[in-house]
All heavy atoms as atom14 arrays in JSON, in Angstrom:
{
  "sequence": "TSSIIPSFILYFLGFLGMVIIPSVVGYFMVNNEGKRYVLSGLWL",
  "atom14_mask": [
    [1, 1, 1, 1, 1, 1, 1, 0, 0, 0, 0, 0, 0, 0],
    [1, 1, 1, 1, 1, 1, 0, 0, 0, 0, 0, 0, 0, 0],
    [1, 1, 1, 1, 1, 1, 0, 0, 0, 0, 0, 0, 0, 0],
    [1, 1, 1, 1, 1, 1, 1, 1, 0, 0, 0, 0, 0, 0],
    [1, 1, 1, 1, 1, 1, 1, 1, 0, 0, 0, 0, 0, 0],
    [1, 1, 1, 1, 1, 1, 1, 0, 0, 0, 0, 0, 0, 0],
    [1, 1, 1, 1, 1, 1, 0, 0, 0, 0, 0, 0, 0, 0],
    [1, 1, 1, 1, 1, 1, 1, 1, 1, 1, 1, 0, 0, 0],
    [1, 1, 1, 1, 1, 1, 1, 1, 0, 0, 0, 0, 0, 0],
    [1, 1, 1, 1, 1, 1, 1, 1, 0, 0, 0, 0, 0, 0],
    [1, 1, 1, 1, 1, 1, 1, 1, 1, 1, 1, 1, 0, 0],
    [1, 1, 1, 1, 1, 1, 1, 1, 1, 1, 1, 0, 0, 0],
    [1, 1, 1, 1, 1, 1, 1, 1, 0, 0, 0, 0, 0, 0],
    [1, 1, 1, 1, 0, 0, 0, 0, 0, 0, 0, 0, 0, 0],
    [1, 1, 1, 1, 1, 1, 1, 1, 1, 1, 1, 0, 0, 0],
    [1, 1, 1, 1, 1, 1, 1, 1, 0, 0, 0, 0, 0, 0],
    [1, 1, 1, 1, 0, 0, 0, 0, 0, 0, 0, 0, 0, 0],
    [1, 1, 1, 1, 1, 1, 1, 1, 0, 0, 0, 0, 0, 0],
    [1, 1, 1, 1, 1, 1, 1, 0, 0, 0, 0, 0, 0, 0],
    [1, 1, 1, 1, 1, 1, 1, 1, 0, 0, 0, 0, 0, 0],
    [1, 1, 1, 1, 1, 1, 1, 1, 0, 0, 0, 0, 0, 0],
    [1, 1, 1, 1, 1, 1, 1, 0, 0, 0, 0, 0, 0, 0],
    [1, 1, 1, 1, 1, 1, 0, 0, 0, 0, 0, 0, 0, 0],
    [1, 1, 1, 1, 1, 1, 1, 0, 0, 0, 0, 0, 0, 0],
    [1, 1, 1, 1, 1, 1, 1, 0, 0, 0, 0, 0, 0, 0],
    [1, 1, 1, 1, 0, 0, 0, 0, 0, 0, 0, 0, 0, 0],
    [1, 1, 1, 1, 1, 1, 1, 1, 1, 1, 1, 1, 0, 0],
    [1, 1, 1, 1, 1, 1, 1, 1, 1, 1, 1, 0, 0, 0],
    [1, 1, 1, 1, 1, 1, 1, 1, 0, 0, 0, 0, 0, 0],
    [1, 1, 1, 1, 1, 1, 1, 0, 0, 0, 0, 0, 0, 0],
    [1, 1, 1, 1, 1, 1, 1, 1, 0, 0, 0, 0, 0, 0],
    [1, 1, 1, 1, 1, 1, 1, 1, 0, 0, 0, 0, 0, 0],
    [1, 1, 1, 1, 1, 1, 1, 1, 1, 0, 0, 0, 0, 0],
    [1, 1, 1, 1, 0, 0, 0, 0, 0, 0, 0, 0, 0, 0],
    [1, 1, 1, 1, 1, 1, 1, 1, 1, 0, 0, 0, 0, 0],
    [1, 1, 1, 1, 1, 1, 1, 1, 1, 1, 1, 0, 0, 0],
    [1, 1, 1, 1, 1, 1, 1, 1, 1, 1, 1, 1, 0, 0],
    [1, 1, 1, 1, 1, 1, 1, 0, 0, 0, 0, 0, 0, 0],
    [1, 1, 1, 1, 1, 1, 1, 1, 0, 0, 0, 0, 0, 0],
    [1, 1, 1, 1, 1, 1, 0, 0, 0, 0, 0, 0, 0, 0],
    [1, 1, 1, 1, 0, 0, 0, 0, 0, 0, 0, 0, 0, 0],
    [1, 1, 1, 1, 1, 1, 1, 1, 0, 0, 0, 0, 0, 0],
    [1, 1, 1, 1, 1, 1, 1, 1, 1, 1, 1, 1, 1, 1],
    [1, 1, 1, 1, 1, 1, 1, 1, 0, 0, 0, 0, 0, 0]
  ],
  "atom14_positions": [
    [[5.82, 40.18, -53.31], [5.77, 41.52, -53.78], [5.26, 41.69, -55.28], [5.32, 42.72, -55.82], [7.13, 42.25, -53.61], [8.01, 41.51, -54.49], [7.62, 42.22, -52.16], [0.0, 0.0, 0.0], [0.0, 0.0, 0.0], [0.0, 0.0, 0.0], [0.0, 0.0, 0.0], [0.0, 0.0, 0.0], [0.0, 0.0, 0.0], [0.0, 0.0, 0.0]],
    [[4.75, 40.61, -55.86], [4.41, 40.59, -57.24], [3.26, 41.61, -57.52], [3.19, 42.3, -58.52], [4.11, 39.2, -57.71], [3.01, 38.71, -56.93], [0.0, 0.0, 0.0], [0.0, 0.0, 0.0], [0.0, 0.0, 0.0], [0.0, 0.0, 0.0], [0.0, 0.0, 0.0], [0.0, 0.0, 0.0], [0.0, 0.0, 0.0], [0.0, 0.0, 0.0]],
    [[2.28, 41.64, -56.64], [1.14, 42.54, -56.75], [1.02, 43.22, -55.38], [-0.14, 43.24, -54.79], [-0.03, 41.79, -57.18], [-0.42, 40.78, -56.2], [0.0, 0.0, 0.0], [0.0, 0.0, 0.0], [0.0, 0.0, 0.0], [0.0, 0.0, 0.0], [0.0, 0.0, 0.0], [0.0, 0.0, 0.0], [0.0, 0.0, 0.0], [0.0, 0.0, 0.0]],
    [[2.0, 43.89, -54.95], [2.0, 44.32, -53.54], [1.18, 45.56, -53.33], [0.39, 45.62, -52.36], [3.47, 44.67, -53.12], [3.5, 45.0, -51.6], [4.03, 45.91, -53.93], [4.86, 45.11, -51.1], [0.0, 0.0, 0.0], [0.0, 0.0, 0.0], [0.0, 0.0, 0.0], [0.0, 0.0, 0.0], [0.0, 0.0, 0.0], [0.0, 0.0, 0.0]],
    [[0.94, 46.47, -54.28], [0.15, 47.61, -53.99], [-1.4, 47.23, -54.01], [-2.08, 47.61, -53.13], [0.44, 48.77, -55.01], [1.75, 49.3, -54.83], [-0.7, 49.9, -54.96], [2.27, 50.48, -55.81], [0.0, 0.0, 0.0], [0.0, 0.0, 0.0], [0.0, 0.0, 0.0], [0.0, 0.0, 0.0], [0.0, 0.0, 0.0], [0.0, 0.0, 0.0]],
    [[-1.83, 46.45, -55.06], [-3.21, 46.04, -54.91], [-3.56, 45.27, -53.69], [-4.62, 45.38, -53.08], [-3.41, 45.14, -56.25], [-2.42, 45.69, -57.18], [-1.19, 46.06, -56.31], [0.0, 0.0, 0.0], [0.0, 0.0, 0.0], [0.0, 0.0, 0.0], [0.0, 0.0, 0.0], [0.0, 0.0, 0.0], [0.0, 0.0, 0.0], [0.0, 0.0, 0.0]],
    [[-2.58, 44.33, -53.3], [-2.78, 43.56, -52.13], [-2.85, 44.44, -50.86], [-3.71, 44.2, -49.94], [-1.61, 42.58, -51.94], [-1.64, 41.61, -52.95], [0.0, 0.0, 0.0], [0.0, 0.0, 0.0], [0.0, 0.0, 0.0], [0.0, 0.0, 0.0], [0.0, 0.0, 0.0], [0.0, 0.0, 0.0], [0.0, 0.0, 0.0], [0.0, 0.0, 0.0]],
    [[-2.04, 45.49, -50.81], [-2.05, 46.37, -49.63], [-3.27, 47.2, -49.56], [-3.9, 47.34, -48.55], [-0.84, 47.33, -49.67], [-0.95, 48.38, -48.65], [-0.68, 48.05, -47.3], [-1.35, 49.68, -48.79], [-0.7, 48.99, -46.3], [-1.47, 50.68, -47.84], [-1.12, 50.27, -46.52], [0.0, 0.0, 0.0], [0.0, 0.0, 0.0], [0.0, 0.0, 0.0]],
    [[-3.8, 47.68, -50.75], [-5.04, 48.41, -50.74], [-6.27, 47.57, -50.21], [-7.01, 48.0, -49.35], [-5.35, 48.85, -52.2], [-4.36, 49.93, -52.63], [-6.77, 49.47, -52.26], [-4.45, 50.4, -54.06], [0.0, 0.0, 0.0], [0.0, 0.0, 0.0], [0.0, 0.0, 0.0], [0.0, 0.0, 0.0], [0.0, 0.0, 0.0], [0.0, 0.0, 0.0]],
    [[-6.27, 46.31, -50.67], [-7.34, 45.43, -50.19], [-7.18, 45.2, -48.7], [-8.13, 45.21, -47.94], [-7.26, 44.06, -50.96], [-8.34, 43.07, -50.66], [-9.65, 43.58, -50.96], [-8.1, 41.7, -51.4], [0.0, 0.0, 0.0], [0.0, 0.0, 0.0], [0.0, 0.0, 0.0], [0.0, 0.0, 0.0], [0.0, 0.0, 0.0], [0.0, 0.0, 0.0]],
    [[-5.96, 44.87, -48.23], [-5.64, 44.66, -46.84], [-6.05, 46.0, -46.01], [-6.64, 45.9, -44.89], [-4.21, 44.33, -46.63], [-3.73, 44.55, -45.18], [-4.01, 43.63, -44.21], [-2.96, 45.64, -44.82], [-3.65, 43.79, -42.89], [-2.64, 45.78, -43.46], [-2.88, 44.87, -42.53], [-2.48, 45.07, -41.25], [0.0, 0.0, 0.0], [0.0, 0.0, 0.0]],
    [[-5.66, 47.09, -46.42], [-5.84, 48.31, -45.64], [-7.27, 48.74, -45.57], [-7.76, 49.11, -44.44], [-5.07, 49.54, -46.3], [-5.09, 50.74, -45.46], [-4.25, 50.85, -44.3], [-6.02, 51.79, -45.73], [-4.31, 52.02, -43.6], [-6.06, 52.97, -44.94], [-5.15, 53.06, -43.78], [0.0, 0.0, 0.0], [0.0, 0.0, 0.0], [0.0, 0.0, 0.0]],
    [[-8.12, 48.26, -46.52], [-9.57, 48.6, -46.49], [-10.12, 47.67, -45.4], [-11.02, 48.01, -44.68], [-10.25, 48.35, -47.83], [-9.93, 49.4, -48.94], [-10.53, 48.97, -50.18], [-10.43, 50.79, -48.58], [0.0, 0.0, 0.0], [0.0, 0.0, 0.0], [0.0, 0.0, 0.0], [0.0, 0.0, 0.0], [0.0, 0.0, 0.0], [0.0, 0.0, 0.0]],
    [[-9.69, 46.47, -45.42], [-10.09, 45.46, -44.4], [-9.73, 45.93, -43.05], [-10.54, 45.86, -42.0], [0.0, 0.0, 0.0], [0.0, 0.0, 0.0], [0.0, 0.0, 0.0], [0.0, 0.0, 0.0], [0.0, 0.0, 0.0], [0.0, 0.0, 0.0], [0.0, 0.0, 0.0], [0.0, 0.0, 0.0], [0.0, 0.0, 0.0], [0.0, 0.0, 0.0]],
    [[-8.52, 46.39, -42.88], [-7.92, 46.9, -41.61], [-8.77, 48.15, -41.09], [-9.07, 48.29, -39.92], [-6.51, 47.24, -41.77], [-5.78, 47.65, -40.49], [-5.26, 46.73, -39.61], [-5.65, 48.97, -40.11], [-4.62, 47.0, -38.45], [-5.09, 49.35, -39.01], [-4.5, 48.35, -38.11], [0.0, 0.0, 0.0], [0.0, 0.0, 0.0], [0.0, 0.0, 0.0]],
    [[-9.1, 48.99, -41.95], [-9.88, 50.13, -41.71], [-11.24, 49.74, -41.09], [-11.64, 50.26, -40.09], [-10.04, 51.03, -43.01], [-10.95, 52.27, -42.86], [-10.16, 53.31, -42.0], [-11.29, 52.84, -44.25], [0.0, 0.0, 0.0], [0.0, 0.0, 0.0], [0.0, 0.0, 0.0], [0.0, 0.0, 0.0], [0.0, 0.0, 0.0], [0.0, 0.0, 0.0]],
    [[-11.84, 48.72, -41.7], [-13.09, 48.25, -41.18], [-12.95, 47.56, -39.94], [-13.83, 47.78, -38.97], [0.0, 0.0, 0.0], [0.0, 0.0, 0.0], [0.0, 0.0, 0.0], [0.0, 0.0, 0.0], [0.0, 0.0, 0.0], [0.0, 0.0, 0.0], [0.0, 0.0, 0.0], [0.0, 0.0, 0.0], [0.0, 0.0, 0.0], [0.0, 0.0, 0.0]],
    [[-11.88, 46.8, -39.68], [-11.71, 46.16, -38.41], [-11.46, 47.09, -37.29], [-11.81, 46.85, -36.15], [-10.46, 45.19, -38.59], [-10.16, 44.36, -37.36], [-8.99, 45.19, -36.19], [-7.49, 45.43, -37.18], [0.0, 0.0, 0.0], [0.0, 0.0, 0.0], [0.0, 0.0, 0.0], [0.0, 0.0, 0.0], [0.0, 0.0, 0.0], [0.0, 0.0, 0.0]],
    [[-10.87, 48.3, -37.52], [-10.57, 49.25, -36.54], [-11.83, 50.09, -36.21], [-12.18, 50.37, -35.1], [-9.43, 50.17, -36.96], [-9.25, 51.38, -36.05], [-8.14, 49.36, -36.96], [0.0, 0.0, 0.0], [0.0, 0.0, 0.0], [0.0, 0.0, 0.0], [0.0, 0.0, 0.0], [0.0, 0.0, 0.0], [0.0, 0.0, 0.0], [0.0, 0.0, 0.0]],
    [[-12.55, 50.59, -37.29], [-13.68, 51.51, -37.24], [-14.93, 50.9, -36.74], [-15.67, 51.49, -35.86], [-13.81, 52.34, -38.46], [-12.48, 53.11, -38.81], [-15.01, 53.31, -38.37], [-12.13, 54.11, -37.72], [0.0, 0.0, 0.0], [0.0, 0.0, 0.0], [0.0, 0.0, 0.0], [0.0, 0.0, 0.0], [0.0, 0.0, 0.0], [0.0, 0.0, 0.0]],
    [[-15.34, 49.82, -37.35], [-16.67, 49.23, -37.05], [-16.93, 48.96, -35.64], [-17.94, 49.34, -35.01], [-16.87, 47.91, -37.94], [-17.02, 48.37, -39.43], [-18.12, 47.17, -37.46], [-17.08, 47.15, -40.37], [0.0, 0.0, 0.0], [0.0, 0.0, 0.0], [0.0, 0.0, 0.0], [0.0, 0.0, 0.0], [0.0, 0.0, 0.0], [0.0, 0.0, 0.0]],
    [[-16.01, 48.25, -34.91], [-16.25, 48.12, -33.48], [-16.41, 49.4, -32.67], [-17.23, 49.49, -31.74], [-15.02, 47.37, -32.96], [-14.53, 46.68, -34.23], [-14.64, 47.57, -35.3], [0.0, 0.0, 0.0], [0.0, 0.0, 0.0], [0.0, 0.0, 0.0], [0.0, 0.0, 0.0], [0.0, 0.0, 0.0], [0.0, 0.0, 0.0], [0.0, 0.0, 0.0]],
    [[-15.69, 50.47, -33.05], [-15.88, 51.7, -32.41], [-17.19, 52.34, -32.63], [-17.78, 52.9, -31.72], [-14.7, 52.61, -32.83], [-13.44, 52.12, -32.5], [0.0, 0.0, 0.0], [0.0, 0.0, 0.0], [0.0, 0.0, 0.0], [0.0, 0.0, 0.0], [0.0, 0.0, 0.0], [0.0, 0.0, 0.0], [0.0, 0.0, 0.0], [0.0, 0.0, 0.0]],
    [[-17.71, 52.19, -33.89], [-19.01, 52.82, -34.16], [-20.13, 52.04, -33.49], [-20.94, 52.67, -32.86], [-19.21, 52.8, -35.75], [-20.65, 53.24, -36.05], [-18.17, 53.75, -36.43], [0.0, 0.0, 0.0], [0.0, 0.0, 0.0], [0.0, 0.0, 0.0], [0.0, 0.0, 0.0], [0.0, 0.0, 0.0], [0.0, 0.0, 0.0], [0.0, 0.0, 0.0]],
    [[-20.05, 50.68, -33.53], [-21.06, 49.88, -32.9], [-20.94, 50.14, -31.42], [-21.95, 50.29, -30.79], [-20.91, 48.41, -33.23], [-21.75, 47.56, -32.35], [-21.06, 48.09, -34.74], [0.0, 0.0, 0.0], [0.0, 0.0, 0.0], [0.0, 0.0, 0.0], [0.0, 0.0, 0.0], [0.0, 0.0, 0.0], [0.0, 0.0, 0.0], [0.0, 0.0, 0.0]],
    [[-19.75, 50.17, -30.88], [-19.59, 50.34, -29.43], [-20.04, 51.72, -28.95], [-20.76, 51.77, -27.88], [0.0, 0.0, 0.0], [0.0, 0.0, 0.0], [0.0, 0.0, 0.0], [0.0, 0.0, 0.0], [0.0, 0.0, 0.0], [0.0, 0.0, 0.0], [0.0, 0.0, 0.0], [0.0, 0.0, 0.0], [0.0, 0.0, 0.0], [0.0, 0.0, 0.0]],
    [[-19.92, 52.77, -29.74], [-20.4, 54.01, -29.44], [-21.96, 54.07, -29.17], [-22.47, 54.65, -28.23], [-20.09, 55.06, -30.5], [-20.65, 56.39, -30.28], [-20.06, 57.35, -29.42], [-21.81, 56.85, -30.94], [-20.62, 58.6, -29.2], [-22.42, 58.07, -30.75], [-21.68, 58.98, -29.79], [-22.28, 60.22, -29.53], [0.0, 0.0, 0.0], [0.0, 0.0, 0.0]],
    [[-22.68, 53.31, -30.01], [-24.11, 53.35, -29.96], [-24.57, 52.33, -28.84], [-25.78, 52.39, -28.53], [-24.77, 53.01, -31.27], [-24.69, 54.12, -32.23], [-23.72, 54.1, -33.33], [-25.46, 55.28, -32.12], [-23.67, 55.15, -34.14], [-25.33, 56.34, -32.99], [-24.4, 56.2, -34.03], [0.0, 0.0, 0.0], [0.0, 0.0, 0.0], [0.0, 0.0, 0.0]],
    [[-23.76, 51.51, -28.3], [-24.14, 50.46, -27.4], [-23.75, 50.67, -26.0], [-23.93, 49.8, -25.18], [-23.73, 49.12, -27.91], [-24.38, 48.69, -29.34], [-26.21, 48.66, -29.34], [-26.59, 47.45, -28.3], [0.0, 0.0, 0.0], [0.0, 0.0, 0.0], [0.0, 0.0, 0.0], [0.0, 0.0, 0.0], [0.0, 0.0, 0.0], [0.0, 0.0, 0.0]],
    [[-23.02, 51.72, -25.76], [-22.49, 51.95, -24.27], [-23.34, 53.07, -23.68], [-24.0, 53.82, -24.39], [-21.04, 52.2, -24.27], [-20.24, 51.01, -24.79], [-20.63, 53.46, -25.11], [0.0, 0.0, 0.0], [0.0, 0.0, 0.0], [0.0, 0.0, 0.0], [0.0, 0.0, 0.0], [0.0, 0.0, 0.0], [0.0, 0.0, 0.0], [0.0, 0.0, 0.0]],
    [[-23.17, 53.38, -22.37], [-23.79, 54.49, -21.77], [-23.28, 55.79, -22.14], [-22.28, 55.86, -22.89], [-23.76, 54.22, -20.21], [-22.33, 54.13, -19.65], [-21.37, 54.57, -20.32], [-22.18, 53.48, -18.51], [0.0, 0.0, 0.0], [0.0, 0.0, 0.0], [0.0, 0.0, 0.0], [0.0, 0.0, 0.0], [0.0, 0.0, 0.0], [0.0, 0.0, 0.0]],
    [[-23.74, 56.91, -21.64], [-23.22, 58.2, -22.02], [-21.8, 58.43, -21.72], [-21.03, 59.14, -22.43], [-24.17, 59.3, -21.38], [-25.55, 59.39, -21.95], [-25.75, 58.96, -23.0], [-26.46, 59.78, -21.13], [0.0, 0.0, 0.0], [0.0, 0.0, 0.0], [0.0, 0.0, 0.0], [0.0, 0.0, 0.0], [0.0, 0.0, 0.0], [0.0, 0.0, 0.0]],
    [[-21.42, 57.94, -20.51], [-19.95, 58.0, -20.15], [-19.08, 57.26, -21.21], [-18.06, 57.81, -21.62], [-19.76, 57.4, -18.8], [-18.34, 57.41, -18.23], [-18.08, 56.68, -16.93], [-18.88, 55.74, -16.7], [-17.16, 57.02, -16.24], [0.0, 0.0, 0.0], [0.0, 0.0, 0.0], [0.0, 0.0, 0.0], [0.0, 0.0, 0.0], [0.0, 0.0, 0.0]],
    [[-19.56, 56.11, -21.6], [-18.78, 55.32, -22.59], [-18.72, 56.01, -23.89], [-17.71, 56.01, -24.62], [0.0, 0.0, 0.0], [0.0, 0.0, 0.0], [0.0, 0.0, 0.0], [0.0, 0.0, 0.0], [0.0, 0.0, 0.0], [0.0, 0.0, 0.0], [0.0, 0.0, 0.0], [0.0, 0.0, 0.0], [0.0, 0.0, 0.0], [0.0, 0.0, 0.0]],
    [[-19.82, 56.68, -24.3], [-19.85, 57.44, -25.6], [-18.69, 58.53, -25.56], [-18.11, 58.71, -26.57], [-21.22, 58.01, -25.82], [-22.31, 57.06, -26.23], [-23.61, 57.82, -26.41], [-24.66, 56.88, -27.11], [-24.92, 55.74, -26.37], [0.0, 0.0, 0.0], [0.0, 0.0, 0.0], [0.0, 0.0, 0.0], [0.0, 0.0, 0.0], [0.0, 0.0, 0.0]],
    [[-18.61, 59.24, -24.45], [-17.63, 60.2, -24.35], [-16.21, 59.61, -24.46], [-15.31, 60.22, -25.03], [-17.71, 60.96, -23.06], [-16.89, 62.24, -22.93], [-17.18, 63.11, -21.7], [-16.67, 64.37, -21.81], [-16.75, 65.38, -20.96], [-17.36, 65.12, -19.82], [-16.22, 66.51, -21.16], [0.0, 0.0, 0.0], [0.0, 0.0, 0.0], [0.0, 0.0, 0.0]],
    [[-15.96, 58.43, -23.84], [-14.68, 57.8, -23.88], [-14.41, 57.45, -25.38], [-13.19, 57.62, -25.81], [-14.66, 56.52, -23.0], [-14.73, 56.78, -21.57], [-15.14, 55.83, -20.68], [-14.33, 58.07, -21.02], [-15.2, 56.06, -19.34], [-14.43, 58.32, -19.64], [-14.84, 57.26, -18.76], [-14.93, 57.49, -17.42], [0.0, 0.0, 0.0], [0.0, 0.0, 0.0]],
    [[-15.33, 56.88, -26.03], [-15.08, 56.47, -27.48], [-14.79, 57.68, -28.31], [-13.81, 57.66, -29.19], [-16.35, 55.65, -28.0], [-16.1, 55.33, -29.57], [-16.36, 54.36, -27.23], [0.0, 0.0, 0.0], [0.0, 0.0, 0.0], [0.0, 0.0, 0.0], [0.0, 0.0, 0.0], [0.0, 0.0, 0.0], [0.0, 0.0, 0.0], [0.0, 0.0, 0.0]],
    [[-15.61, 58.63, -28.22], [-15.36, 59.92, -29.1], [-13.95, 60.5, -28.75], [-13.32, 60.96, -29.58], [-16.43, 60.94, -28.71], [-17.78, 60.77, -29.39], [-18.73, 61.9, -28.94], [-17.65, 60.78, -30.86], [0.0, 0.0, 0.0], [0.0, 0.0, 0.0], [0.0, 0.0, 0.0], [0.0, 0.0, 0.0], [0.0, 0.0, 0.0], [0.0, 0.0, 0.0]],
    [[-13.57, 60.53, -27.49], [-12.23, 61.05, -27.07], [-11.15, 60.18, -27.61], [-9.99, 60.73, -27.65], [-12.11, 61.11, -25.62], [-11.04, 61.67, -25.09], [0.0, 0.0, 0.0], [0.0, 0.0, 0.0], [0.0, 0.0, 0.0], [0.0, 0.0, 0.0], [0.0, 0.0, 0.0], [0.0, 0.0, 0.0], [0.0, 0.0, 0.0], [0.0, 0.0, 0.0]],
    [[-11.37, 58.95, -28.01], [-10.32, 58.15, -28.52], [-10.25, 58.0, -30.08], [-9.27, 57.43, -30.51], [0.0, 0.0, 0.0], [0.0, 0.0, 0.0], [0.0, 0.0, 0.0], [0.0, 0.0, 0.0], [0.0, 0.0, 0.0], [0.0, 0.0, 0.0], [0.0, 0.0, 0.0], [0.0, 0.0, 0.0], [0.0, 0.0, 0.0], [0.0, 0.0, 0.0]],
    [[-11.21, 58.62, -30.77], [-11.16, 58.49, -32.22], [-9.86, 59.12, -32.92], [-9.44, 58.56, -33.95], [-12.4, 59.17, -32.87], [-13.69, 58.48, -32.49], [-14.86, 59.23, -33.18], [-13.75, 57.01, -32.89], [0.0, 0.0, 0.0], [0.0, 0.0, 0.0], [0.0, 0.0, 0.0], [0.0, 0.0, 0.0], [0.0, 0.0, 0.0], [0.0, 0.0, 0.0]],
    [[-9.31, 60.07, -32.23], [-8.06, 60.7, -32.86], [-6.97, 59.59, -32.92], [-6.19, 59.65, -33.87], [-7.65, 61.9, -32.06], [-7.17, 61.58, -30.7], [-7.85, 61.59, -29.51], [-5.82, 61.11, -30.35], [-7.09, 61.18, -28.44], [-5.76, 60.86, -28.92], [-4.63, 60.88, -31.02], [-4.67, 60.45, -28.22], [-3.48, 60.48, -30.32], [-3.54, 60.26, -28.89]],
    [[-6.87, 58.77, -31.96], [-5.83, 57.78, -31.94], [-6.01, 56.81, -33.04], [-5.06, 56.34, -33.68], [-5.84, 56.99, -30.67], [-4.71, 55.81, -30.47], [-3.33, 56.42, -30.6], [-4.88, 55.14, -29.15], [0.0, 0.0, 0.0], [0.0, 0.0, 0.0], [0.0, 0.0, 0.0], [0.0, 0.0, 0.0], [0.0, 0.0, 0.0], [0.0, 0.0, 0.0]]
  ]
}
């Protein structure tokens, strides 16, 4: 916990990319039905 806030900020930015990037790439690489599924799941 010596530098917990800076460590968390760095971790969370990485976590954000790990969650969002596959969804963005997936959206552009699936069929129209898949695009609707991905968009419908972004709220989660």
